[in-house]
Amino acid sequence: MNCGAYSCGEGEYSGRQFLTTTEKAEMLENYKKWLEMERKGVEEAIAKLKKAK
């Protein structure tokens, strides 16, 4: 498994150690979007569980 500064696995930047500032910013923006989608999914799951009570 390749581990870089921000991720492990077969990702877009796997194995890279020296990213440009632009690449880091883009990666963090993508990560932020992913986290926002994950948050929405968690909120939906919680709402479903509360309805099931």
Protein backbone atom coordinates (compact mmCIF):
# COMPACT_ATOMS: atom_id res chain seq x y z
CA MET A 1 0.00 0.00 0.00
CA ASN A 2 1.35 3.41 -0.95
CA CYS A 3 1.02 6.09 1.69
CA GLY A 4 1.57 9.74 0.89
CA ALA A 5 1.27 12.90 2.89
CA TYR A 6 -2.55 12.96 2.78
CA SER A 7 -3.72 9.47 1.88
CA CYS A 8 -2.95 5.79 1.61
CA GLY A 9 -3.94 3.50 -1.22
CA GLU A 10 -4.39 3.84 -4.93
CA GLY A 11 -5.61 7.44 -4.93
CA GLU A 12 -4.88 10.25 -7.29
CA TYR A 13 -1.66 11.21 -5.51
CA SER A 14 -0.63 7.90 -3.96
CA GLY A 15 3.09 7.73 -3.42
CA ARG A 16 3.73 11.42 -4.13
CA GLN A 17 5.60 13.20 -1.41
CA PHE A 18 6.14 16.69 -2.82
CA LEU A 19 2.89 18.33 -3.86
CA THR A 20 2.62 21.88 -5.10
CA THR A 21 0.60 24.40 -3.11
CA THR A 22 -2.04 24.34 -5.84
CA GLU A 23 -2.27 20.54 -5.70
CA LYS A 24 -2.59 20.60 -1.91
CA ALA A 25 -5.35 23.22 -2.05
CA GLU A 26 -7.23 21.26 -4.73
CA MET A 27 -6.88 18.05 -2.76
CA LEU A 28 -8.18 19.71 0.39
CA GLU A 29 -11.14 21.20 -1.51
CA ASN A 30 -12.00 17.74 -2.83
CA TYR A 31 -11.66 16.29 0.67
CA LYS A 32 -13.94 19.02 2.04
CA LYS A 33 -16.59 18.16 -0.58
CA TRP A 34 -16.29 14.48 0.31
CA LEU A 35 -16.71 15.28 4.01
CA GLU A 36 -19.79 17.39 3.28
CA MET A 37 -21.36 14.51 1.32
CA GLU A 38 -20.49 12.10 4.13
CA ARG A 39 -22.09 14.45 6.68
CA LYS A 40 -25.29 14.55 4.63
CA GLY A 41 -25.31 10.76 4.45
CA VAL A 42 -24.87 10.48 8.21
CA GLU A 43 -27.70 12.96 8.78
CA GLU A 44 -29.98 10.91 6.49
CA ALA A 45 -29.07 7.70 8.30
CA ILE A 46 -29.82 9.31 11.67
CA ALA A 47 -33.17 10.60 10.40
CA LYS A 48 -34.09 7.10 9.13
CA LEU A 49 -33.20 5.55 12.48
CA LYS A 50 -35.27 8.10 14.37
CA LYS A 51 -38.28 7.43 12.11
CA ALA A 52 -37.94 3.69 12.67
CA LYS A 53 -38.45 4.05 16.43
